[in-house]
Amino acid sequence: MSTIQYVTKETLAQMKAELRRMRAVDRPAASKAIAEAREKGDLKENAEYDAAKETQGLLEARIAALEGVLANARVLDESAIDTSKVSILTKVTLTNLKTHKQVVYKIVSENEADLKAGKISVTSPIGKGILGKKAGETAEVVAPAGTLNFRIDSITAG
């Protein structure tokens, strides 16, 4: 079951470059490692061969997963983002109503999420909880740490 992944042009380019690298560099290196291990004798008791085969299997799985994501990727035009409500690629300033701490997050796809860079996934608990809300509204977010209440202070283009 595949789902549409919304990404920016930059993220799409990064994913395509990663796929090219895996196909052109990593895949041949894995094949070479298997060939070298095969030359070392009996395959039944060859841990190096087993490790090389496992590495190749993991690489092929990563390639297949990335191909799936790319097949379902849709590029979002950041200049056409509606900032009247929280949506993907908007930058949102929130205030935690319990601690009165203010945070700023950019709402992005799962592939682009990076909490250290202030980018949270649209599918994360906070992302889901504030999606569709307007500035001034409050959102109740059910997170693993418990229920959090946020006020949406402002919404701007990412």
N, C-alpha and C. Protein backbone atom coordinates (compact mmCIF):
# COMPACT_ATOMS: atom_id res chain seq x y z
N MET A 1 0.85 -1.18 0.00
CA MET A 1 0.00 0.00 0.00
C MET A 1 0.89 1.24 0.00
N SER A 2 0.85 1.99 -1.06
CA SER A 2 1.72 3.15 -1.16
C SER A 2 0.93 4.42 -0.90
N THR A 3 1.61 5.37 -0.29
CA THR A 3 0.97 6.64 -0.01
C THR A 3 1.77 7.74 -0.69
N ILE A 4 1.09 8.80 -1.01
CA ILE A 4 1.75 9.93 -1.66
C ILE A 4 2.64 10.63 -0.65
N GLN A 5 3.87 10.93 -1.06
CA GLN A 5 4.82 11.66 -0.23
C GLN A 5 4.99 13.05 -0.84
N TYR A 6 4.68 14.08 -0.08
CA TYR A 6 4.86 15.45 -0.55
C TYR A 6 6.25 15.92 -0.17
N VAL A 7 7.00 16.39 -1.14
CA VAL A 7 8.38 16.81 -0.91
C VAL A 7 8.65 18.12 -1.65
N THR A 8 9.71 18.78 -1.22
CA THR A 8 10.16 19.98 -1.92
C THR A 8 11.06 19.55 -3.08
N LYS A 9 11.35 20.48 -3.97
CA LYS A 9 12.24 20.19 -5.10
C LYS A 9 13.61 19.74 -4.61
N GLU A 10 14.10 20.40 -3.55
CA GLU A 10 15.42 20.08 -3.02
C GLU A 10 15.47 18.65 -2.47
N THR A 11 14.44 18.25 -1.74
CA THR A 11 14.40 16.91 -1.18
C THR A 11 14.29 15.86 -2.29
N LEU A 12 13.51 16.16 -3.32
CA LEU A 12 13.39 15.23 -4.44
C LEU A 12 14.75 15.05 -5.12
N ALA A 13 15.47 16.15 -5.30
CA ALA A 13 16.80 16.07 -5.91
C ALA A 13 17.75 15.26 -5.03
N GLN A 14 17.69 15.44 -3.71
CA GLN A 14 18.54 14.68 -2.79
C GLN A 14 18.23 13.19 -2.86
N MET A 15 16.95 12.85 -2.89
CA MET A 15 16.56 11.44 -2.95
C MET A 15 17.01 10.80 -4.26
N LYS A 16 16.87 11.53 -5.37
CA LYS A 16 17.32 11.00 -6.67
C LYS A 16 18.83 10.81 -6.68
N ALA A 17 19.57 11.75 -6.09
CA ALA A 17 21.03 11.63 -6.03
C ALA A 17 21.43 10.43 -5.18
N GLU A 18 20.74 10.22 -4.06
CA GLU A 18 21.03 9.07 -3.20
C GLU A 18 20.76 7.77 -3.94
N LEU A 19 19.67 7.71 -4.69
CA LEU A 19 19.35 6.50 -5.45
C LEU A 19 20.40 6.24 -6.53
N ARG A 20 20.82 7.29 -7.21
CA ARG A 20 21.88 7.14 -8.23
C ARG A 20 23.17 6.61 -7.61
N ARG A 21 23.54 7.14 -6.43
CA ARG A 21 24.75 6.70 -5.75
C ARG A 21 24.64 5.24 -5.35
N MET A 22 23.49 4.87 -4.81
CA MET A 22 23.32 3.47 -4.39
C MET A 22 23.40 2.52 -5.58
N ARG A 23 22.83 2.93 -6.71
CA ARG A 23 22.86 2.07 -7.90
C ARG A 23 24.24 2.03 -8.54
N ALA A 24 24.90 3.19 -8.62
CA ALA A 24 26.16 3.28 -9.37
C ALA A 24 27.39 2.97 -8.54
N VAL A 25 27.36 3.20 -7.24
CA VAL A 25 28.54 3.02 -6.40
C VAL A 25 28.36 1.86 -5.42
N ASP A 26 27.30 1.93 -4.62
CA ASP A 26 27.12 0.94 -3.56
C ASP A 26 26.81 -0.46 -4.09
N ARG A 27 25.95 -0.55 -5.11
CA ARG A 27 25.59 -1.86 -5.65
C ARG A 27 26.80 -2.58 -6.23
N PRO A 28 27.62 -1.92 -7.09
CA PRO A 28 28.81 -2.60 -7.60
C PRO A 28 29.81 -2.98 -6.48
N ALA A 29 29.91 -2.14 -5.46
CA ALA A 29 30.82 -2.44 -4.34
C ALA A 29 30.34 -3.68 -3.59
N ALA A 30 29.03 -3.82 -3.43
CA ALA A 30 28.48 -4.99 -2.75
C ALA A 30 28.74 -6.25 -3.57
N SER A 31 28.57 -6.15 -4.88
CA SER A 31 28.82 -7.30 -5.76
C SER A 31 30.29 -7.71 -5.72
N LYS A 32 31.16 -6.70 -5.69
CA LYS A 32 32.60 -6.98 -5.62
C LYS A 32 32.96 -7.67 -4.31
N ALA A 33 32.37 -7.22 -3.21
CA ALA A 33 32.63 -7.82 -1.90
C ALA A 33 32.18 -9.28 -1.87
N ILE A 34 31.06 -9.57 -2.52
CA ILE A 34 30.58 -10.95 -2.59
C ILE A 34 31.54 -11.80 -3.41
N ALA A 35 31.98 -11.26 -4.54
CA ALA A 35 32.91 -12.01 -5.40
C ALA A 35 34.22 -12.30 -4.68
N GLU A 36 34.74 -11.31 -3.94
CA GLU A 36 35.99 -11.51 -3.21
C GLU A 36 35.82 -12.56 -2.12
N ALA A 37 34.69 -12.52 -1.43
CA ALA A 37 34.44 -13.49 -0.36
C ALA A 37 34.25 -14.90 -0.94
N ARG A 38 33.62 -14.98 -2.11
CA ARG A 38 33.39 -16.27 -2.76
C ARG A 38 34.71 -16.94 -3.12
N GLU A 39 35.72 -16.14 -3.47
CA GLU A 39 37.03 -16.67 -3.86
C GLU A 39 37.78 -17.29 -2.69
N LYS A 40 37.32 -17.00 -1.48
CA LYS A 40 38.05 -17.46 -0.29
C LYS A 40 37.68 -18.87 0.14
N GLY A 41 36.89 -19.56 -0.68
CA GLY A 41 36.68 -20.98 -0.39
C GLY A 41 35.26 -21.35 -0.05
N ASP A 42 35.13 -22.35 0.79
CA ASP A 42 33.87 -22.98 1.15
C ASP A 42 32.85 -21.94 1.62
N LEU A 43 31.70 -21.87 0.91
CA LEU A 43 30.70 -20.86 1.22
C LEU A 43 29.88 -21.22 2.47
N LYS A 44 29.86 -22.48 2.85
CA LYS A 44 29.08 -22.91 4.02
C LYS A 44 29.61 -22.30 5.31
N GLU A 45 30.93 -22.14 5.38
CA GLU A 45 31.55 -21.65 6.61
C GLU A 45 32.27 -20.33 6.39
N ASN A 46 31.76 -19.54 5.47
CA ASN A 46 32.42 -18.29 5.11
C ASN A 46 31.59 -17.12 5.64
N ALA A 47 31.96 -16.63 6.81
CA ALA A 47 31.23 -15.53 7.45
C ALA A 47 31.33 -14.25 6.62
N GLU A 48 32.45 -14.05 5.96
CA GLU A 48 32.62 -12.85 5.13
C GLU A 48 31.62 -12.86 3.98
N TYR A 49 31.41 -14.03 3.39
CA TYR A 49 30.45 -14.17 2.29
C TYR A 49 29.04 -13.90 2.80
N ASP A 50 28.69 -14.47 3.95
CA ASP A 50 27.37 -14.26 4.53
C ASP A 50 27.13 -12.78 4.83
N ALA A 51 28.13 -12.12 5.37
CA ALA A 51 28.01 -10.69 5.69
C ALA A 51 27.84 -9.86 4.42
N ALA A 52 28.60 -10.20 3.38
CA ALA A 52 28.50 -9.46 2.11
C ALA A 52 27.12 -9.66 1.49
N LYS A 53 26.57 -10.88 1.56
CA LYS A 53 25.23 -11.16 1.02
C LYS A 53 24.17 -10.39 1.81
N GLU A 54 24.35 -10.34 3.13
CA GLU A 54 23.39 -9.61 3.96
C GLU A 54 23.43 -8.11 3.65
N THR A 55 24.63 -7.58 3.49
CA THR A 55 24.79 -6.17 3.15
C THR A 55 24.12 -5.87 1.81
N GLN A 56 24.31 -6.77 0.85
CA GLN A 56 23.70 -6.59 -0.46
C GLN A 56 22.16 -6.62 -0.34
N GLY A 57 21.65 -7.53 0.47
CA GLY A 57 20.20 -7.61 0.66
C GLY A 57 19.62 -6.35 1.26
N LEU A 58 20.32 -5.80 2.26
CA LEU A 58 19.87 -4.56 2.89
C LEU A 58 19.92 -3.40 1.90
N LEU A 59 20.98 -3.36 1.09
CA LEU A 59 21.11 -2.31 0.08
C LEU A 59 19.96 -2.40 -0.92
N GLU A 60 19.67 -3.61 -1.40
CA GLU A 60 18.59 -3.78 -2.37
C GLU A 60 17.25 -3.38 -1.75
N ALA A 61 17.06 -3.65 -0.47
CA ALA A 61 15.82 -3.25 0.20
C ALA A 61 15.72 -1.73 0.28
N ARG A 62 16.84 -1.06 0.60
CA ARG A 62 16.85 0.41 0.65
C ARG A 62 16.58 1.01 -0.72
N ILE A 63 17.16 0.41 -1.76
CA ILE A 63 16.93 0.89 -3.12
C ILE A 63 15.46 0.75 -3.47
N ALA A 64 14.87 -0.41 -3.19
CA ALA A 64 13.46 -0.64 -3.50
C ALA A 64 12.56 0.33 -2.74
N ALA A 65 12.87 0.57 -1.46
CA ALA A 65 12.07 1.50 -0.66
C ALA A 65 12.15 2.92 -1.23
N LEU A 66 13.35 3.35 -1.59
CA LEU A 66 13.52 4.69 -2.13
C LEU A 66 12.84 4.82 -3.49
N GLU A 67 12.92 3.77 -4.30
CA GLU A 67 12.21 3.79 -5.60
C GLU A 67 10.71 3.93 -5.38
N GLY A 68 10.18 3.26 -4.34
CA GLY A 68 8.77 3.37 -4.02
C GLY A 68 8.38 4.77 -3.60
N VAL A 69 9.21 5.37 -2.77
CA VAL A 69 8.94 6.75 -2.33
C VAL A 69 8.98 7.70 -3.52
N LEU A 70 9.99 7.55 -4.37
CA LEU A 70 10.11 8.43 -5.54
C LEU A 70 8.94 8.25 -6.50
N ALA A 71 8.45 7.02 -6.64
CA ALA A 71 7.32 6.77 -7.54
C ALA A 71 6.06 7.48 -7.07
N ASN A 72 5.95 7.68 -5.76
CA ASN A 72 4.76 8.32 -5.20
C ASN A 72 5.01 9.74 -4.73
N ALA A 73 6.15 10.31 -5.06
CA ALA A 73 6.49 11.66 -4.61
C ALA A 73 5.76 12.71 -5.44
N ARG A 74 5.30 13.71 -4.77
CA ARG A 74 4.66 14.85 -5.42
C ARG A 74 5.40 16.10 -4.93
N VAL A 75 5.85 16.90 -5.88
CA VAL A 75 6.61 18.10 -5.54
C VAL A 75 5.64 19.22 -5.18
N LEU A 76 5.89 19.84 -4.04
CA LEU A 76 5.07 20.96 -3.60
C LEU A 76 5.74 22.28 -3.99
N ASP A 77 4.95 23.19 -4.45
CA ASP A 77 5.44 24.52 -4.79
C ASP A 77 5.32 25.39 -3.55
N GLU A 78 6.45 25.74 -2.97
CA GLU A 78 6.44 26.49 -1.71
C GLU A 78 5.81 27.88 -1.86
N SER A 79 5.81 28.44 -3.07
CA SER A 79 5.24 29.78 -3.25
C SER A 79 3.71 29.75 -3.26
N ALA A 80 3.12 28.56 -3.40
CA ALA A 80 1.66 28.46 -3.46
C ALA A 80 1.05 27.94 -2.17
N ILE A 81 1.79 27.99 -1.07
CA ILE A 81 1.32 27.46 0.21
C ILE A 81 0.33 28.43 0.85
N ASP A 82 -0.80 27.89 1.31
CA ASP A 82 -1.83 28.67 2.00
C ASP A 82 -1.41 28.85 3.46
N THR A 83 -1.18 30.09 3.86
CA THR A 83 -0.74 30.35 5.24
C THR A 83 -1.88 30.77 6.16
N SER A 84 -3.13 30.60 5.71
CA SER A 84 -4.26 30.93 6.59
C SER A 84 -4.48 29.83 7.62
N LYS A 85 -3.95 28.64 7.35
CA LYS A 85 -4.06 27.53 8.29
C LYS A 85 -2.78 26.70 8.22
N VAL A 86 -2.57 25.87 9.24
CA VAL A 86 -1.38 25.03 9.29
C VAL A 86 -1.50 23.95 8.22
N SER A 87 -0.49 23.87 7.36
CA SER A 87 -0.43 22.82 6.34
C SER A 87 1.03 22.48 6.10
N ILE A 88 1.24 21.49 5.26
CA ILE A 88 2.61 21.08 4.97
C ILE A 88 3.37 22.25 4.36
N LEU A 89 4.62 22.41 4.74
CA LEU A 89 5.56 23.45 4.33
C LEU A 89 5.28 24.82 4.93
N THR A 90 4.40 24.91 5.93
CA THR A 90 4.24 26.18 6.63
C THR A 90 5.14 26.18 7.86
N LYS A 91 5.53 27.37 8.27
CA LYS A 91 6.32 27.53 9.49
C LYS A 91 5.35 28.05 10.56
N VAL A 92 5.31 27.33 11.68
CA VAL A 92 4.31 27.61 12.71
C VAL A 92 5.00 27.96 14.02
N THR A 93 4.55 29.06 14.62
CA THR A 93 5.03 29.44 15.95
C THR A 93 3.96 29.01 16.94
N LEU A 94 4.36 28.17 17.90
CA LEU A 94 3.44 27.62 18.89
C LEU A 94 3.86 28.03 20.28
N THR A 95 2.89 28.15 21.17
CA THR A 95 3.17 28.36 22.58
C THR A 95 2.56 27.21 23.36
N ASN A 96 3.39 26.53 24.15
CA ASN A 96 2.90 25.47 25.02
C ASN A 96 2.16 26.16 26.16
N LEU A 97 0.87 25.88 26.29
CA LEU A 97 0.05 26.59 27.27
C LEU A 97 0.37 26.23 28.71
N LYS A 98 1.02 25.10 28.94
CA LYS A 98 1.38 24.70 30.30
C LYS A 98 2.69 25.37 30.73
N THR A 99 3.70 25.33 29.84
CA THR A 99 5.02 25.86 30.20
C THR A 99 5.24 27.29 29.70
N HIS A 100 4.36 27.77 28.83
CA HIS A 100 4.47 29.09 28.19
C HIS A 100 5.74 29.23 27.35
N LYS A 101 6.27 28.09 26.94
CA LYS A 101 7.45 28.07 26.09
C LYS A 101 7.01 28.17 24.64
N GLN A 102 7.75 28.99 23.88
CA GLN A 102 7.41 29.17 22.47
C GLN A 102 8.38 28.38 21.60
N VAL A 103 7.84 27.70 20.58
CA VAL A 103 8.66 26.93 19.65
C VAL A 103 8.22 27.26 18.23
N VAL A 104 9.15 27.08 17.29
CA VAL A 104 8.85 27.30 15.88
C VAL A 104 9.18 26.01 15.13
N TYR A 105 8.21 25.52 14.37
CA TYR A 105 8.40 24.30 13.59
C TYR A 105 8.00 24.54 12.15
N LYS A 106 8.72 23.90 11.26
CA LYS A 106 8.29 23.84 9.86
C LYS A 106 7.66 22.47 9.69
N ILE A 107 6.48 22.42 9.11
CA ILE A 107 5.76 21.17 8.90
C ILE A 107 6.21 20.60 7.55
N VAL A 108 6.77 19.40 7.59
CA VAL A 108 7.34 18.79 6.38
C VAL A 108 6.88 17.34 6.25
N SER A 109 7.27 16.70 5.15
CA SER A 109 6.95 15.29 4.95
C SER A 109 7.83 14.44 5.86
N GLU A 110 7.52 13.16 5.97
CA GLU A 110 8.29 12.25 6.82
C GLU A 110 9.76 12.20 6.41
N ASN A 111 10.03 12.26 5.12
CA ASN A 111 11.40 12.16 4.61
C ASN A 111 12.26 13.36 4.97
N GLU A 112 11.63 14.49 5.22
CA GLU A 112 12.37 15.71 5.49
C GLU A 112 12.47 16.06 6.97
N ALA A 113 11.77 15.32 7.81
CA ALA A 113 11.71 15.64 9.24
C ALA A 113 13.10 15.62 9.87
N ASP A 114 13.39 16.66 10.65
CA ASP A 114 14.66 16.80 11.35
C ASP A 114 14.42 17.74 12.54
N LEU A 115 14.18 17.17 13.69
CA LEU A 115 13.81 17.97 14.86
C LEU A 115 14.87 19.00 15.22
N LYS A 116 16.16 18.63 15.06
CA LYS A 116 17.23 19.58 15.38
C LYS A 116 17.17 20.81 14.49
N ALA A 117 16.67 20.65 13.26
CA ALA A 117 16.55 21.77 12.33
C ALA A 117 15.18 22.44 12.44
N GLY A 118 14.36 22.00 13.40
CA GLY A 118 13.04 22.59 13.58
C GLY A 118 12.02 22.13 12.57
N LYS A 119 12.25 20.97 11.96
CA LYS A 119 11.33 20.43 10.96
C LYS A 119 10.65 19.18 11.53
N ILE A 120 9.32 19.26 11.65
CA ILE A 120 8.59 18.09 12.16
C ILE A 120 7.68 17.54 11.06
N SER A 121 7.48 16.24 11.14
CA SER A 121 6.68 15.54 10.15
C SER A 121 5.21 15.86 10.32
N VAL A 122 4.53 15.94 9.20
CA VAL A 122 3.09 16.16 9.19
C VAL A 122 2.37 14.99 9.85
N THR A 123 3.04 13.82 9.93
CA THR A 123 2.44 12.64 10.55
C THR A 123 2.85 12.45 12.01
N SER A 124 3.67 13.35 12.55
CA SER A 124 4.07 13.27 13.96
C SER A 124 2.87 13.67 14.82
N PRO A 125 2.89 13.33 16.11
CA PRO A 125 1.75 13.72 16.97
C PRO A 125 1.48 15.23 16.95
N ILE A 126 2.52 16.04 17.04
CA ILE A 126 2.31 17.50 17.02
C ILE A 126 1.83 17.93 15.64
N GLY A 127 2.46 17.39 14.59
CA GLY A 127 2.05 17.72 13.22
C GLY A 127 0.58 17.42 12.98
N LYS A 128 0.15 16.23 13.37
CA LYS A 128 -1.25 15.83 13.20
C LYS A 128 -2.18 16.73 14.02
N GLY A 129 -1.73 17.06 15.24
CA GLY A 129 -2.58 17.83 16.15
C GLY A 129 -2.81 19.27 15.71
N ILE A 130 -1.85 19.86 15.02
CA ILE A 130 -2.00 21.28 14.63
C ILE A 130 -2.43 21.46 13.18
N LEU A 131 -2.42 20.38 12.40
CA LEU A 131 -2.78 20.46 10.99
C LEU A 131 -4.19 21.02 10.81
N GLY A 132 -4.32 22.01 9.96
CA GLY A 132 -5.62 22.60 9.68
C GLY A 132 -6.04 23.70 10.63
N LYS A 133 -5.29 23.92 11.70
CA LYS A 133 -5.63 24.96 12.68
C LYS A 133 -5.21 26.34 12.14
N LYS A 134 -5.87 27.37 12.64
CA LYS A 134 -5.59 28.74 12.23
C LYS A 134 -4.90 29.47 13.38
N ALA A 135 -4.26 30.58 13.05
CA ALA A 135 -3.58 31.40 14.08
C ALA A 135 -4.60 31.82 15.12
N GLY A 136 -4.21 31.71 16.40
CA GLY A 136 -5.09 32.07 17.50
C GLY A 136 -5.82 30.87 18.09
N GLU A 137 -5.92 29.79 17.34
CA GLU A 137 -6.60 28.60 17.83
C GLU A 137 -5.68 27.80 18.75
N THR A 138 -6.29 26.94 19.56
CA THR A 138 -5.50 26.04 20.39
C THR A 138 -5.67 24.63 19.86
N ALA A 139 -4.63 23.84 20.07
CA ALA A 139 -4.64 22.45 19.61
C ALA A 139 -4.28 21.55 20.77
N GLU A 140 -5.04 20.50 20.92
CA GLU A 140 -4.74 19.49 21.93
C GLU A 140 -4.01 18.36 21.21
N VAL A 141 -2.79 18.10 21.64
CA VAL A 141 -1.94 17.10 20.99
C VAL A 141 -1.71 15.93 21.93
N VAL A 142 -2.08 14.74 21.47
CA VAL A 142 -1.84 13.54 22.26
C VAL A 142 -0.49 12.99 21.84
N ALA A 143 0.47 13.07 22.74
CA ALA A 143 1.84 12.63 22.47
C ALA A 143 2.19 11.50 23.45
N PRO A 144 3.27 10.77 23.17
CA PRO A 144 3.68 9.71 24.10
C PRO A 144 3.88 10.22 25.53
N ALA A 145 4.29 11.47 25.68
CA ALA A 145 4.54 12.04 27.01
C ALA A 145 3.25 12.50 27.69
N GLY A 146 2.13 12.41 27.00
CA GLY A 146 0.86 12.87 27.55
C GLY A 146 0.21 13.88 26.63
N THR A 147 -0.86 14.49 27.10
CA THR A 147 -1.59 15.46 26.30
C THR A 147 -0.96 16.84 26.47
N LEU A 148 -0.68 17.48 25.35
CA LEU A 148 -0.10 18.82 25.35
C LEU A 148 -1.08 19.78 24.70
N ASN A 149 -1.12 21.01 25.19
CA ASN A 149 -1.98 22.03 24.59
C ASN A 149 -1.11 23.15 24.05
N PHE A 150 -1.32 23.46 22.79
CA PHE A 150 -0.56 24.51 22.12
C PHE A 150 -1.50 25.58 21.59
N ARG A 151 -1.03 26.82 21.62
CA ARG A 151 -1.71 27.92 20.96
C ARG A 151 -0.93 28.21 19.67
N ILE A 152 -1.61 28.33 18.56
CA ILE A 152 -0.95 28.66 17.30
C ILE A 152 -0.83 30.19 17.28
N ASP A 153 0.40 30.69 17.37
CA ASP A 153 0.64 32.13 17.41
C ASP A 153 0.71 32.74 16.01
N SER A 154 1.44 32.06 15.12
CA SER A 154 1.53 32.59 13.76
C SER A 154 1.84 31.47 12.77
N ILE A 155 1.46 31.71 11.52
CA ILE A 155 1.70 30.76 10.44
C ILE A 155 2.28 31.56 9.28
N THR A 156 3.46 31.13 8.82
CA THR A 156 4.09 31.82 7.71
C THR A 156 4.53 30.78 6.66
N ALA A 157 4.89 31.28 5.50
CA ALA A 157 5.41 30.38 4.46
C ALA A 157 6.77 29.89 4.92
N GLY A 158 7.03 28.61 4.69
CA GLY A 158 8.24 27.96 5.15
C GLY A 158 9.49 28.57 4.68
